[in-house]
N, C-alpha and C. Protein backbone atom coordinates (compact mmCIF):
# COMPACT_ATOMS: atom_id res chain seq x y z
N MET A 1 10.24 -32.32 -12.92
CA MET A 1 8.89 -31.86 -12.61
C MET A 1 8.54 -32.09 -11.14
N VAL A 2 8.98 -33.23 -10.60
CA VAL A 2 8.65 -33.55 -9.21
C VAL A 2 9.25 -32.52 -8.27
N ARG A 3 10.44 -32.04 -8.59
CA ARG A 3 11.11 -31.08 -7.71
C ARG A 3 10.39 -29.74 -7.63
N LYS A 4 9.59 -29.44 -8.64
CA LYS A 4 8.90 -28.15 -8.66
C LYS A 4 7.63 -28.15 -7.81
N ALA A 5 7.13 -29.32 -7.46
CA ALA A 5 5.87 -29.40 -6.71
C ALA A 5 5.91 -28.65 -5.39
N PRO A 6 6.99 -28.79 -4.57
CA PRO A 6 7.02 -28.03 -3.31
C PRO A 6 6.93 -26.53 -3.52
N ARG A 7 7.57 -26.04 -4.58
CA ARG A 7 7.52 -24.60 -4.84
C ARG A 7 6.11 -24.18 -5.23
N ARG A 8 5.41 -25.02 -5.99
CA ARG A 8 4.03 -24.70 -6.35
C ARG A 8 3.14 -24.69 -5.12
N THR A 9 3.37 -25.64 -4.22
CA THR A 9 2.60 -25.67 -2.98
C THR A 9 2.89 -24.44 -2.13
N ALA A 10 4.15 -24.07 -2.02
CA ALA A 10 4.53 -22.89 -1.24
C ALA A 10 3.89 -21.63 -1.82
N GLU A 11 3.85 -21.55 -3.14
CA GLU A 11 3.24 -20.40 -3.80
C GLU A 11 1.75 -20.35 -3.51
N ARG A 12 1.09 -21.49 -3.61
CA ARG A 12 -0.34 -21.54 -3.36
C ARG A 12 -0.65 -21.19 -1.91
N ILE A 13 0.17 -21.63 -0.99
CA ILE A 13 -0.01 -21.29 0.42
C ILE A 13 0.01 -19.77 0.60
N LEU A 14 0.96 -19.11 -0.02
CA LEU A 14 1.04 -17.65 0.12
C LEU A 14 -0.17 -16.96 -0.50
N GLU A 15 -0.61 -17.44 -1.64
CA GLU A 15 -1.77 -16.83 -2.30
C GLU A 15 -3.01 -16.92 -1.42
N VAL A 16 -3.26 -18.11 -0.88
CA VAL A 16 -4.45 -18.30 -0.04
C VAL A 16 -4.31 -17.54 1.28
N THR A 17 -3.13 -17.54 1.84
CA THR A 17 -2.90 -16.80 3.09
C THR A 17 -3.17 -15.31 2.88
N LEU A 18 -2.70 -14.76 1.77
CA LEU A 18 -2.94 -13.36 1.49
C LEU A 18 -4.43 -13.08 1.37
N GLU A 19 -5.16 -13.94 0.69
CA GLU A 19 -6.61 -13.76 0.56
C GLU A 19 -7.28 -13.76 1.93
N LEU A 20 -6.91 -14.70 2.77
CA LEU A 20 -7.53 -14.80 4.09
C LEU A 20 -7.14 -13.63 4.99
N PHE A 21 -5.87 -13.26 4.99
CA PHE A 21 -5.42 -12.12 5.78
C PHE A 21 -6.16 -10.85 5.36
N ASN A 22 -6.28 -10.64 4.06
CA ASN A 22 -6.96 -9.44 3.57
C ASN A 22 -8.44 -9.44 3.92
N ARG A 23 -9.04 -10.62 3.89
CA ARG A 23 -10.49 -10.70 4.13
C ARG A 23 -10.84 -10.58 5.61
N PHE A 24 -10.09 -11.28 6.45
CA PHE A 24 -10.47 -11.38 7.86
C PHE A 24 -9.53 -10.63 8.81
N GLY A 25 -8.38 -10.20 8.32
CA GLY A 25 -7.38 -9.60 9.19
C GLY A 25 -6.44 -10.66 9.73
N GLU A 26 -5.16 -10.37 9.73
CA GLU A 26 -4.16 -11.36 10.15
C GLU A 26 -4.41 -11.96 11.53
N PRO A 27 -4.78 -11.15 12.56
CA PRO A 27 -4.97 -11.74 13.88
C PRO A 27 -6.09 -12.78 13.93
N ASN A 28 -7.02 -12.73 12.98
CA ASN A 28 -8.18 -13.62 12.99
C ASN A 28 -8.00 -14.86 12.12
N VAL A 29 -6.81 -15.03 11.56
CA VAL A 29 -6.55 -16.16 10.67
C VAL A 29 -5.46 -17.04 11.30
N SER A 30 -5.82 -18.27 11.58
CA SER A 30 -4.86 -19.22 12.17
C SER A 30 -4.25 -20.09 11.07
N THR A 31 -3.15 -20.74 11.40
CA THR A 31 -2.57 -21.67 10.44
C THR A 31 -3.51 -22.86 10.20
N THR A 32 -4.32 -23.19 11.19
CA THR A 32 -5.32 -24.25 11.01
C THR A 32 -6.33 -23.87 9.94
N LEU A 33 -6.79 -22.62 9.98
CA LEU A 33 -7.73 -22.14 8.97
C LEU A 33 -7.08 -22.14 7.59
N ILE A 34 -5.83 -21.71 7.52
CA ILE A 34 -5.13 -21.67 6.23
C ILE A 34 -5.02 -23.08 5.64
N SER A 35 -4.61 -24.04 6.45
CA SER A 35 -4.46 -25.41 5.94
C SER A 35 -5.82 -26.00 5.55
N ALA A 36 -6.86 -25.65 6.30
CA ALA A 36 -8.20 -26.14 5.95
C ALA A 36 -8.67 -25.55 4.63
N GLU A 37 -8.42 -24.27 4.43
CA GLU A 37 -8.80 -23.61 3.18
C GLU A 37 -8.08 -24.22 1.99
N LEU A 38 -6.83 -24.60 2.21
CA LEU A 38 -6.02 -25.21 1.16
C LEU A 38 -6.30 -26.71 0.99
N ARG A 39 -6.98 -27.29 1.98
CA ARG A 39 -7.25 -28.73 2.00
C ARG A 39 -5.93 -29.51 2.03
N ILE A 40 -5.02 -29.03 2.87
CA ILE A 40 -3.78 -29.75 3.11
C ILE A 40 -3.65 -29.95 4.62
N SER A 41 -2.77 -30.83 5.01
CA SER A 41 -2.58 -31.07 6.44
C SER A 41 -1.77 -29.94 7.06
N PRO A 42 -1.97 -29.66 8.35
CA PRO A 42 -1.13 -28.66 9.02
C PRO A 42 0.36 -28.99 8.90
N GLY A 43 0.69 -30.27 8.89
CA GLY A 43 2.09 -30.66 8.74
C GLY A 43 2.66 -30.25 7.40
N ASN A 44 1.85 -30.34 6.35
CA ASN A 44 2.29 -29.89 5.02
C ASN A 44 2.54 -28.39 5.01
N LEU A 45 1.66 -27.65 5.66
CA LEU A 45 1.83 -26.20 5.77
C LEU A 45 3.11 -25.89 6.53
N TYR A 46 3.33 -26.55 7.65
CA TYR A 46 4.51 -26.27 8.48
C TYR A 46 5.81 -26.67 7.79
N TYR A 47 5.70 -27.64 6.87
CA TYR A 47 6.89 -28.03 6.11
C TYR A 47 7.43 -26.85 5.31
N HIS A 48 6.50 -26.08 4.74
CA HIS A 48 6.90 -24.93 3.92
C HIS A 48 7.11 -23.67 4.75
N TYR A 49 6.25 -23.48 5.75
CA TYR A 49 6.31 -22.28 6.59
C TYR A 49 6.11 -22.72 8.05
N PRO A 50 7.21 -22.96 8.77
CA PRO A 50 7.11 -23.53 10.12
C PRO A 50 6.41 -22.66 11.15
N ALA A 51 6.22 -21.38 10.85
CA ALA A 51 5.56 -20.49 11.80
C ALA A 51 4.74 -19.45 11.03
N LYS A 52 3.73 -18.94 11.67
CA LYS A 52 2.87 -17.93 11.04
C LYS A 52 3.66 -16.70 10.65
N ASP A 53 4.62 -16.31 11.48
CA ASP A 53 5.44 -15.14 11.16
C ASP A 53 6.19 -15.32 9.84
N GLU A 54 6.54 -16.54 9.50
CA GLU A 54 7.23 -16.76 8.23
C GLU A 54 6.31 -16.50 7.04
N LEU A 55 5.03 -16.79 7.20
CA LEU A 55 4.06 -16.43 6.16
C LEU A 55 3.95 -14.91 6.03
N ILE A 56 3.84 -14.25 7.17
CA ILE A 56 3.74 -12.79 7.17
C ILE A 56 4.98 -12.17 6.54
N ASN A 57 6.15 -12.65 6.92
CA ASN A 57 7.39 -12.09 6.40
C ASN A 57 7.53 -12.32 4.90
N ALA A 58 7.12 -13.50 4.44
CA ALA A 58 7.21 -13.79 3.00
C ALA A 58 6.30 -12.87 2.21
N LEU A 59 5.08 -12.63 2.72
CA LEU A 59 4.16 -11.71 2.03
C LEU A 59 4.68 -10.29 2.09
N PHE A 60 5.24 -9.90 3.23
CA PHE A 60 5.79 -8.55 3.33
C PHE A 60 6.95 -8.37 2.36
N ASP A 61 7.80 -9.37 2.20
CA ASP A 61 8.92 -9.27 1.26
C ASP A 61 8.41 -9.02 -0.16
N ARG A 62 7.34 -9.70 -0.52
CA ARG A 62 6.76 -9.48 -1.85
C ARG A 62 6.22 -8.06 -1.98
N TYR A 63 5.55 -7.62 -0.94
CA TYR A 63 5.02 -6.26 -0.96
C TYR A 63 6.15 -5.25 -1.08
N GLU A 64 7.20 -5.42 -0.31
CA GLU A 64 8.30 -4.45 -0.31
C GLU A 64 8.98 -4.39 -1.67
N ARG A 65 9.19 -5.54 -2.30
CA ARG A 65 9.80 -5.55 -3.64
C ARG A 65 8.90 -4.85 -4.65
N SER A 66 7.63 -5.17 -4.61
CA SER A 66 6.67 -4.56 -5.55
C SER A 66 6.59 -3.05 -5.33
N LEU A 67 6.55 -2.65 -4.06
CA LEU A 67 6.46 -1.23 -3.74
C LEU A 67 7.69 -0.47 -4.23
N ASN A 68 8.87 -1.01 -3.97
CA ASN A 68 10.10 -0.31 -4.35
C ASN A 68 10.23 -0.16 -5.86
N GLU A 69 9.74 -1.16 -6.60
CA GLU A 69 9.73 -1.05 -8.06
C GLU A 69 8.89 0.14 -8.51
N LEU A 70 7.75 0.30 -7.87
CA LEU A 70 6.86 1.41 -8.24
C LEU A 70 7.42 2.75 -7.79
N LEU A 71 7.96 2.82 -6.58
CA LEU A 71 8.45 4.09 -6.05
C LEU A 71 9.54 4.68 -6.95
N GLY A 72 10.27 3.82 -7.63
CA GLY A 72 11.31 4.31 -8.53
C GLY A 72 10.75 5.12 -9.69
N ALA A 73 9.45 4.96 -9.97
CA ALA A 73 8.83 5.71 -11.07
C ALA A 73 8.47 7.14 -10.68
N SER A 74 8.65 7.50 -9.41
CA SER A 74 8.27 8.85 -8.97
C SER A 74 9.07 9.94 -9.68
N GLY A 75 10.26 9.59 -10.16
CA GLY A 75 11.08 10.57 -10.86
C GLY A 75 10.50 11.00 -12.20
N GLY A 76 9.54 10.24 -12.71
CA GLY A 76 8.94 10.60 -13.99
C GLY A 76 7.68 11.44 -13.88
N VAL A 77 7.29 11.81 -12.65
CA VAL A 77 6.07 12.61 -12.45
C VAL A 77 6.38 14.07 -12.73
N ARG A 78 5.60 14.69 -13.60
CA ARG A 78 5.83 16.09 -13.98
C ARG A 78 4.62 16.99 -13.76
N ASN A 79 3.44 16.41 -13.63
CA ASN A 79 2.24 17.23 -13.52
C ASN A 79 1.17 16.48 -12.74
N VAL A 80 0.02 17.10 -12.57
CA VAL A 80 -1.07 16.51 -11.79
C VAL A 80 -1.56 15.20 -12.40
N GLU A 81 -1.62 15.14 -13.71
CA GLU A 81 -2.06 13.90 -14.38
C GLU A 81 -1.13 12.75 -14.02
N ASP A 82 0.17 12.99 -14.14
CA ASP A 82 1.15 11.96 -13.77
C ASP A 82 1.02 11.58 -12.29
N ALA A 83 0.88 12.58 -11.44
CA ALA A 83 0.81 12.35 -10.00
C ALA A 83 -0.43 11.55 -9.64
N TRP A 84 -1.55 11.84 -10.29
CA TRP A 84 -2.80 11.11 -10.04
C TRP A 84 -2.61 9.64 -10.38
N PHE A 85 -2.04 9.36 -11.55
CA PHE A 85 -1.82 7.98 -11.96
C PHE A 85 -0.85 7.28 -11.01
N PHE A 86 0.21 7.97 -10.63
CA PHE A 86 1.20 7.39 -9.73
C PHE A 86 0.58 7.04 -8.38
N MET A 87 -0.17 7.98 -7.80
CA MET A 87 -0.77 7.74 -6.49
C MET A 87 -1.82 6.63 -6.54
N HIS A 88 -2.60 6.61 -7.59
CA HIS A 88 -3.61 5.56 -7.70
C HIS A 88 -2.95 4.19 -7.80
N THR A 89 -1.88 4.11 -8.58
CA THR A 89 -1.15 2.85 -8.71
C THR A 89 -0.52 2.46 -7.37
N LEU A 90 -0.01 3.44 -6.65
CA LEU A 90 0.58 3.18 -5.34
C LEU A 90 -0.47 2.63 -4.37
N PHE A 91 -1.66 3.23 -4.39
CA PHE A 91 -2.72 2.72 -3.53
C PHE A 91 -3.16 1.31 -3.94
N GLU A 92 -3.07 1.01 -5.23
CA GLU A 92 -3.39 -0.35 -5.68
C GLU A 92 -2.43 -1.37 -5.07
N ARG A 93 -1.14 -1.01 -5.03
CA ARG A 93 -0.16 -1.91 -4.42
C ARG A 93 -0.46 -2.10 -2.94
N ILE A 94 -0.75 -1.01 -2.28
CA ILE A 94 -1.08 -1.08 -0.85
C ILE A 94 -2.33 -1.93 -0.64
N TRP A 95 -3.35 -1.74 -1.48
CA TRP A 95 -4.60 -2.48 -1.35
C TRP A 95 -4.37 -3.98 -1.50
N HIS A 96 -3.49 -4.36 -2.41
CA HIS A 96 -3.25 -5.78 -2.66
C HIS A 96 -2.71 -6.48 -1.41
N TYR A 97 -2.02 -5.71 -0.55
CA TYR A 97 -1.49 -6.25 0.71
C TYR A 97 -2.10 -5.49 1.88
N ARG A 98 -3.38 -5.25 1.82
CA ARG A 98 -4.03 -4.35 2.76
C ARG A 98 -4.04 -4.87 4.19
N PHE A 99 -3.87 -6.17 4.38
CA PHE A 99 -3.84 -6.69 5.75
C PHE A 99 -2.70 -6.06 6.54
N LEU A 100 -1.60 -5.70 5.86
CA LEU A 100 -0.48 -5.07 6.55
C LEU A 100 -0.89 -3.74 7.17
N TYR A 101 -1.73 -3.00 6.45
CA TYR A 101 -2.14 -1.67 6.92
C TYR A 101 -3.35 -1.76 7.84
N ARG A 102 -4.19 -2.72 7.61
CA ARG A 102 -5.35 -2.90 8.49
C ARG A 102 -4.90 -3.23 9.91
N ASP A 103 -3.87 -4.05 10.03
CA ASP A 103 -3.41 -4.53 11.34
C ASP A 103 -1.99 -4.04 11.64
N LEU A 104 -1.63 -2.88 11.12
CA LEU A 104 -0.24 -2.43 11.15
C LEU A 104 0.34 -2.37 12.55
N ASN A 105 -0.30 -1.68 13.45
CA ASN A 105 0.26 -1.51 14.79
C ASN A 105 0.40 -2.85 15.51
N ASP A 106 -0.59 -3.71 15.34
CA ASP A 106 -0.53 -5.02 15.98
C ASP A 106 0.61 -5.85 15.41
N LEU A 107 0.78 -5.81 14.08
CA LEU A 107 1.86 -6.58 13.45
C LEU A 107 3.23 -6.09 13.90
N LEU A 108 3.39 -4.77 13.96
CA LEU A 108 4.69 -4.22 14.35
C LEU A 108 5.03 -4.56 15.79
N SER A 109 4.02 -4.63 16.64
CA SER A 109 4.28 -4.93 18.05
C SER A 109 4.70 -6.38 18.26
N LYS A 110 4.36 -7.26 17.31
CA LYS A 110 4.63 -8.69 17.48
C LYS A 110 5.81 -9.18 16.64
N ASN A 111 6.19 -8.42 15.63
CA ASN A 111 7.15 -8.92 14.64
C ASN A 111 8.29 -7.92 14.50
N ARG A 112 9.44 -8.25 15.08
CA ARG A 112 10.59 -7.34 15.08
C ARG A 112 11.09 -7.07 13.66
N ARG A 113 11.06 -8.08 12.82
CA ARG A 113 11.54 -7.88 11.45
C ARG A 113 10.67 -6.88 10.70
N LEU A 114 9.36 -7.01 10.87
CA LEU A 114 8.45 -6.05 10.24
C LEU A 114 8.65 -4.65 10.80
N GLU A 115 8.89 -4.58 12.09
CA GLU A 115 9.09 -3.28 12.72
C GLU A 115 10.24 -2.51 12.07
N THR A 116 11.35 -3.19 11.85
CA THR A 116 12.51 -2.51 11.27
C THR A 116 12.32 -2.27 9.77
N HIS A 117 11.74 -3.24 9.07
CA HIS A 117 11.59 -3.08 7.63
C HIS A 117 10.53 -2.04 7.27
N PHE A 118 9.51 -1.90 8.10
CA PHE A 118 8.48 -0.91 7.78
C PHE A 118 9.03 0.51 7.93
N GLN A 119 10.03 0.68 8.77
CA GLN A 119 10.69 1.98 8.85
C GLN A 119 11.37 2.31 7.52
N SER A 120 11.93 1.29 6.87
CA SER A 120 12.52 1.50 5.54
C SER A 120 11.45 1.82 4.51
N VAL A 121 10.30 1.18 4.65
CA VAL A 121 9.19 1.48 3.74
C VAL A 121 8.80 2.94 3.85
N LEU A 122 8.67 3.45 5.08
CA LEU A 122 8.32 4.86 5.27
C LEU A 122 9.37 5.78 4.67
N LYS A 123 10.65 5.46 4.88
CA LYS A 123 11.72 6.29 4.33
C LYS A 123 11.67 6.29 2.80
N ASN A 124 11.44 5.13 2.21
CA ASN A 124 11.39 5.04 0.75
C ASN A 124 10.17 5.76 0.19
N LYS A 125 9.04 5.67 0.88
CA LYS A 125 7.86 6.42 0.44
C LYS A 125 8.13 7.92 0.50
N THR A 126 8.74 8.36 1.58
CA THR A 126 9.02 9.79 1.75
C THR A 126 9.98 10.28 0.69
N LEU A 127 11.01 9.50 0.41
CA LEU A 127 11.97 9.87 -0.63
C LEU A 127 11.28 9.96 -1.99
N ALA A 128 10.39 9.01 -2.28
CA ALA A 128 9.68 9.02 -3.56
C ALA A 128 8.78 10.24 -3.67
N VAL A 129 8.10 10.59 -2.59
CA VAL A 129 7.22 11.77 -2.62
C VAL A 129 8.04 13.04 -2.80
N ARG A 130 9.18 13.14 -2.13
CA ARG A 130 10.05 14.30 -2.33
C ARG A 130 10.52 14.39 -3.77
N THR A 131 10.85 13.25 -4.35
CA THR A 131 11.26 13.21 -5.75
C THR A 131 10.13 13.68 -6.66
N LEU A 132 8.91 13.22 -6.36
CA LEU A 132 7.73 13.65 -7.11
C LEU A 132 7.55 15.16 -7.03
N LEU A 133 7.68 15.72 -5.84
CA LEU A 133 7.52 17.16 -5.67
C LEU A 133 8.61 17.93 -6.39
N ASP A 134 9.83 17.42 -6.34
CA ASP A 134 10.94 18.07 -7.06
C ASP A 134 10.67 18.09 -8.56
N GLY A 135 10.20 16.96 -9.08
CA GLY A 135 9.93 16.87 -10.52
C GLY A 135 8.82 17.80 -10.95
N MET A 136 7.76 17.87 -10.17
CA MET A 136 6.66 18.78 -10.50
C MET A 136 7.10 20.22 -10.38
N GLY A 137 7.97 20.51 -9.41
CA GLY A 137 8.48 21.87 -9.27
C GLY A 137 9.33 22.28 -10.45
N ARG A 138 10.22 21.39 -10.89
CA ARG A 138 11.07 21.71 -12.04
C ARG A 138 10.26 21.89 -13.32
N ALA A 139 9.14 21.16 -13.42
CA ALA A 139 8.29 21.26 -14.61
C ALA A 139 7.34 22.45 -14.55
N GLY A 140 7.33 23.18 -13.43
CA GLY A 140 6.47 24.35 -13.30
C GLY A 140 5.05 24.05 -12.91
N ALA A 141 4.77 22.81 -12.48
CA ALA A 141 3.41 22.44 -12.10
C ALA A 141 3.06 22.94 -10.71
N LEU A 142 4.07 23.13 -9.87
CA LEU A 142 3.83 23.65 -8.53
C LEU A 142 5.02 24.48 -8.09
N GLN A 143 4.77 25.29 -7.09
CA GLN A 143 5.83 26.11 -6.50
C GLN A 143 5.72 25.98 -4.98
N ILE A 144 6.76 25.42 -4.38
CA ILE A 144 6.74 25.17 -2.95
C ILE A 144 8.05 25.62 -2.32
N ASP A 145 7.94 26.33 -1.23
CA ASP A 145 9.12 26.78 -0.50
C ASP A 145 9.88 25.56 0.02
N SER A 146 11.19 25.60 -0.05
CA SER A 146 12.01 24.48 0.39
C SER A 146 11.74 24.12 1.85
N ARG A 147 11.35 25.12 2.65
CA ARG A 147 11.06 24.86 4.06
C ARG A 147 9.76 24.09 4.25
N GLU A 148 8.89 24.10 3.25
CA GLU A 148 7.62 23.38 3.33
C GLU A 148 7.68 22.01 2.67
N LEU A 149 8.76 21.76 1.95
CA LEU A 149 8.85 20.51 1.19
C LEU A 149 8.80 19.28 2.08
N GLU A 150 9.63 19.27 3.12
CA GLU A 150 9.71 18.09 3.97
C GLU A 150 8.42 17.83 4.74
N PRO A 151 7.82 18.83 5.41
CA PRO A 151 6.56 18.55 6.11
C PRO A 151 5.42 18.17 5.18
N THR A 152 5.42 18.73 3.96
CA THR A 152 4.38 18.35 2.99
C THR A 152 4.55 16.90 2.56
N ALA A 153 5.79 16.51 2.27
CA ALA A 153 6.05 15.12 1.89
C ALA A 153 5.67 14.17 3.02
N THR A 154 5.99 14.54 4.26
CA THR A 154 5.65 13.70 5.40
C THR A 154 4.14 13.58 5.55
N SER A 155 3.42 14.68 5.39
CA SER A 155 1.96 14.64 5.49
C SER A 155 1.36 13.73 4.43
N MET A 156 1.91 13.76 3.23
CA MET A 156 1.42 12.89 2.16
C MET A 156 1.66 11.42 2.50
N VAL A 157 2.80 11.13 3.10
CA VAL A 157 3.11 9.75 3.48
C VAL A 157 2.21 9.28 4.62
N VAL A 158 1.87 10.18 5.53
CA VAL A 158 0.94 9.83 6.61
C VAL A 158 -0.40 9.40 6.02
N VAL A 159 -0.91 10.15 5.06
CA VAL A 159 -2.18 9.79 4.44
C VAL A 159 -2.04 8.46 3.68
N LEU A 160 -0.94 8.29 2.97
CA LEU A 160 -0.70 7.03 2.26
C LEU A 160 -0.70 5.84 3.22
N THR A 161 -0.13 6.03 4.38
CA THR A 161 0.05 4.93 5.32
C THR A 161 -1.23 4.60 6.09
N TYR A 162 -2.02 5.60 6.41
CA TYR A 162 -3.17 5.37 7.28
C TYR A 162 -4.52 5.58 6.59
N TRP A 163 -4.51 5.77 5.28
CA TRP A 163 -5.78 5.99 4.59
C TRP A 163 -6.72 4.80 4.74
N LEU A 164 -6.20 3.59 4.58
CA LEU A 164 -7.08 2.43 4.68
C LEU A 164 -7.64 2.25 6.08
N SER A 165 -6.88 2.65 7.09
CA SER A 165 -7.41 2.62 8.46
C SER A 165 -8.59 3.57 8.59
N PHE A 166 -8.47 4.74 7.98
CA PHE A 166 -9.56 5.71 7.98
C PHE A 166 -10.78 5.13 7.28
N GLU A 167 -10.56 4.51 6.12
CA GLU A 167 -11.67 3.89 5.40
C GLU A 167 -12.33 2.81 6.25
N TYR A 168 -11.53 2.04 6.96
CA TYR A 168 -12.08 0.96 7.79
C TYR A 168 -12.93 1.52 8.92
N VAL A 169 -12.48 2.60 9.54
CA VAL A 169 -13.26 3.21 10.62
C VAL A 169 -14.59 3.74 10.08
N ARG A 170 -14.57 4.29 8.87
CA ARG A 170 -15.80 4.83 8.27
C ARG A 170 -16.84 3.74 8.04
N ASP A 171 -16.39 2.55 7.65
CA ASP A 171 -17.34 1.50 7.30
C ASP A 171 -16.69 0.14 7.56
N PRO A 172 -16.61 -0.28 8.82
CA PRO A 172 -15.87 -1.49 9.18
C PRO A 172 -16.33 -2.76 8.46
N ARG A 173 -17.60 -2.85 8.13
CA ARG A 173 -18.12 -4.09 7.54
C ARG A 173 -17.80 -4.22 6.05
N ARG A 174 -17.61 -3.07 5.37
CA ARG A 174 -17.45 -3.15 3.91
C ARG A 174 -16.21 -2.49 3.36
N ALA A 175 -15.53 -1.68 4.16
CA ALA A 175 -14.46 -0.82 3.63
C ALA A 175 -13.35 -1.59 2.93
N LEU A 176 -12.97 -2.74 3.46
CA LEU A 176 -11.83 -3.47 2.91
C LEU A 176 -12.24 -4.66 2.06
N GLU A 177 -13.52 -4.71 1.69
CA GLU A 177 -13.98 -5.76 0.78
C GLU A 177 -13.65 -5.39 -0.66
N PRO A 178 -13.45 -6.36 -1.54
CA PRO A 178 -13.04 -6.08 -2.93
C PRO A 178 -13.93 -5.09 -3.66
N GLU A 179 -15.25 -5.15 -3.41
CA GLU A 179 -16.15 -4.24 -4.13
C GLU A 179 -15.97 -2.79 -3.73
N SER A 180 -15.30 -2.54 -2.62
CA SER A 180 -15.06 -1.17 -2.17
C SER A 180 -13.73 -0.60 -2.65
N ALA A 181 -12.94 -1.44 -3.31
CA ALA A 181 -11.56 -1.07 -3.62
C ALA A 181 -11.46 0.19 -4.46
N GLN A 182 -12.14 0.22 -5.60
CA GLN A 182 -11.93 1.32 -6.54
C GLN A 182 -12.25 2.67 -5.92
N ALA A 183 -13.39 2.76 -5.23
CA ALA A 183 -13.77 4.03 -4.62
C ALA A 183 -12.77 4.44 -3.55
N ALA A 184 -12.32 3.48 -2.75
CA ALA A 184 -11.37 3.79 -1.68
C ALA A 184 -10.05 4.28 -2.25
N LEU A 185 -9.58 3.64 -3.32
CA LEU A 185 -8.29 4.02 -3.91
C LEU A 185 -8.36 5.41 -4.53
N LEU A 186 -9.46 5.70 -5.19
CA LEU A 186 -9.61 7.02 -5.79
C LEU A 186 -9.69 8.11 -4.73
N ARG A 187 -10.43 7.83 -3.66
CA ARG A 187 -10.49 8.81 -2.57
C ARG A 187 -9.12 9.02 -1.95
N GLY A 188 -8.38 7.94 -1.78
CA GLY A 188 -7.05 8.05 -1.20
C GLY A 188 -6.13 8.90 -2.07
N ALA A 189 -6.10 8.64 -3.37
CA ALA A 189 -5.26 9.42 -4.29
C ALA A 189 -5.65 10.90 -4.25
N HIS A 190 -6.95 11.14 -4.21
CA HIS A 190 -7.44 12.53 -4.16
C HIS A 190 -6.96 13.23 -2.90
N HIS A 191 -7.09 12.60 -1.76
CA HIS A 191 -6.76 13.27 -0.51
C HIS A 191 -5.25 13.47 -0.34
N VAL A 192 -4.45 12.55 -0.87
CA VAL A 192 -3.00 12.78 -0.85
C VAL A 192 -2.66 13.99 -1.70
N LEU A 193 -3.17 14.04 -2.92
CA LEU A 193 -2.83 15.13 -3.82
C LEU A 193 -3.48 16.44 -3.42
N ASN A 194 -4.58 16.37 -2.69
CA ASN A 194 -5.23 17.59 -2.24
C ASN A 194 -4.32 18.41 -1.32
N LEU A 195 -3.36 17.75 -0.70
CA LEU A 195 -2.39 18.47 0.15
C LEU A 195 -1.51 19.41 -0.67
N LEU A 196 -1.50 19.22 -2.00
CA LEU A 196 -0.68 20.08 -2.86
C LEU A 196 -1.44 21.29 -3.38
N MET A 197 -2.72 21.38 -3.09
CA MET A 197 -3.54 22.47 -3.63
C MET A 197 -2.93 23.86 -3.44
N PRO A 198 -2.39 24.20 -2.26
CA PRO A 198 -1.86 25.57 -2.08
C PRO A 198 -0.65 25.86 -2.95
N TYR A 199 -0.01 24.82 -3.48
CA TYR A 199 1.25 25.02 -4.20
C TYR A 199 1.13 24.83 -5.70
N LEU A 200 -0.02 24.34 -6.16
CA LEU A 200 -0.17 24.05 -7.58
C LEU A 200 -0.34 25.31 -8.42
N GLU A 201 0.20 25.27 -9.61
CA GLU A 201 -0.05 26.33 -10.61
C GLU A 201 -1.54 26.31 -10.93
N PRO A 202 -2.17 27.48 -11.18
CA PRO A 202 -3.63 27.55 -11.33
C PRO A 202 -4.22 26.53 -12.30
N GLY A 203 -3.58 26.34 -13.44
CA GLY A 203 -4.10 25.37 -14.40
C GLY A 203 -4.05 23.95 -13.86
N GLN A 204 -2.99 23.64 -13.12
CA GLN A 204 -2.85 22.31 -12.52
C GLN A 204 -3.87 22.12 -11.38
N ARG A 205 -4.12 23.19 -10.63
CA ARG A 205 -5.12 23.12 -9.56
C ARG A 205 -6.49 22.83 -10.15
N ALA A 206 -6.82 23.51 -11.25
CA ALA A 206 -8.11 23.29 -11.89
C ALA A 206 -8.21 21.86 -12.43
N HIS A 207 -7.11 21.35 -12.92
CA HIS A 207 -7.13 19.99 -13.46
C HIS A 207 -7.33 18.96 -12.35
N LEU A 208 -6.70 19.18 -11.21
CA LEU A 208 -6.90 18.27 -10.09
C LEU A 208 -8.36 18.28 -9.63
N LEU A 209 -8.97 19.45 -9.61
CA LEU A 209 -10.39 19.55 -9.24
C LEU A 209 -11.26 18.80 -10.24
N ARG A 210 -10.91 18.86 -11.51
CA ARG A 210 -11.67 18.14 -12.53
C ARG A 210 -11.53 16.62 -12.33
N LEU A 211 -10.31 16.19 -12.06
CA LEU A 211 -10.08 14.76 -11.84
C LEU A 211 -10.87 14.26 -10.63
N ALA A 212 -10.84 15.03 -9.57
CA ALA A 212 -11.56 14.64 -8.36
C ALA A 212 -13.06 14.59 -8.61
N SER A 213 -13.55 15.56 -9.34
CA SER A 213 -14.99 15.61 -9.65
C SER A 213 -15.41 14.43 -10.53
N ALA A 214 -14.53 14.04 -11.45
CA ALA A 214 -14.87 12.96 -12.38
C ALA A 214 -14.78 11.58 -11.76
N TYR A 215 -13.81 11.39 -10.86
CA TYR A 215 -13.51 10.04 -10.40
C TYR A 215 -13.87 9.73 -8.96
N CYS A 216 -13.96 10.74 -8.12
CA CYS A 216 -14.14 10.45 -6.70
C CYS A 216 -15.61 10.51 -6.31
N PRO A 217 -16.10 9.48 -5.64
CA PRO A 217 -17.51 9.45 -5.24
C PRO A 217 -17.77 10.43 -4.11
């Protein structure tokens, strides 16, 4: 039992760090603040994570694993209903680690490991979206020219990647607070899927409009 205590402490450090990063933004959270929030000494924090970048990298690793698990489900998307659920779930994963997207450019400029790994994240997102489009095409839910497939997938990934930045610009004081989550995620899913409107089969287009009308503020 004694041997497990350091792991429990390390886990708690990551949980609290994620909360603080999400609430205040990574650049505004120091290791001193993290240790004070945890009511542990800075030395105890440094024992588990000797540098702030190690906290960031550990949280990013969790995000990347969680994201890749979800992206693998894109092959099961066959229609607008499936796509809506998939995108909303994807935005939930992003929201849970929203500090990465809120401070993305700043983080990439300071952290070489994040810079290279986030390129893999973009590639995996793009591959998943292409898989989603292929599945919907085979099921007859949409019809898209092969020449439009790649730019459409890229545009969807751009919205996925920068949607929370857009939300933050719209309302800097409240956009990334927990009470704003549901509305922001639904708007994000809607705007990603709205890029498919020109290619959707009429019944699927009507269904997407119904979903947007029912769920999006």
